[in-house]
Amino acid sequence: MREGVGGRGDEGIATALRESRLLPLLLVAPALLTVLTLFVYPLGYSLVTAFVDKDGGATLGNFARAFEFYSRDILFTLVIIALSTALVGALAVGIGGYITLGENARAVAVLRFLYRWPLFIPFVVAAQCMRTFLAKNGLMNNSLVALGLVDPQHTVGLLDWRGIVLTFVWKQLPFVALLVAGAMAALDRTTIEAARNLGAGRLRILVEIVVPQVRATLLVGLILSFVTMMSVLSVPLMISGESPTMITVDMAFRINNYGDYGTANALGFISYAMTGIAAWFYLKRGVVAGGRP
């Protein structure tokens, strides 16, 4: 009898929980607490301390010091990330377009197999691989010398801004290409076949028919890549030791050498602003597009 009563009581509690509005909150509470603790709190703390001096008073001195010492690095970061994002977008469209419109089944299969590999490689590993590949005596130059295409005395290393761009593009391209190729594969092929029947070439079909239909997906991938590359420290630190460098290296330098969290957080605030502007343009465009009849 007691077991029967207890069983009915447990069932009643379970039913009450299912019908209660608190159940969804209880289910998401662990994830929400993790996000608040590990992401939201550090983000808010860094934003606030960017406007606080060492004595705890409000100040804009951190930003003045950041622009005084690192204005070239801020511009360098913006140019490098923008160039890398543009190259990622162009190559992702090319890869997705060839997979969707390509007529050589074997070439399409090989490309589909190869382009995804860097997706699973961490940035620090990618940076180390590129460092040994792009060096003056690295794998790339040694291969060219072995093929007789380059004289050993005229090899050129790419461990500078070019190496940073190449590493970013190589690492982020599979992510965006995967999104774009998936969106292209889901398109209705009626318009594509109609354009082919009218004599349109693959390039024209890609630019005028396919890309406009996957533009939203492409923009999402590029925004996420922009934000990701903006936060990477290992690539500029390991690929290039020249000046100017990227904001993340300056932030690490201010903290490790001077314990200057104020200036480092001011640089972080500037990087947040850059990514925020990029996201704002995308969100604004999405709202406008969503409001169209």
Foldseek 3Di string as FASTA:
>chain_A
DVVVVVVVVVVVVVVCLVPDPCVVVVVCVVVVVCCCVPPVVVLVVLLVLLQADPVGDGHPVLVVVLCVPCVVQAVVQVVLLVVLLVLLLVVLLVLLLCLLPPDPPVVNVVSVVPLQVLQPPDLLRLLVVLQQCQAQPHDVVVVCVVVVNDDNVPGDGDLASNSLSVSLSSNLNNVLSVQLNVQLVPDDCPVVVVCVVVPDDSVCCSVPPRCVSCVLSNLVSSLVSSLVSLQDDNNQVRRYPDPPTHLNVVLVCCCPPPVCSNNSSSSVVSSVVVSVVSVVVSVVVVVVVVPDD
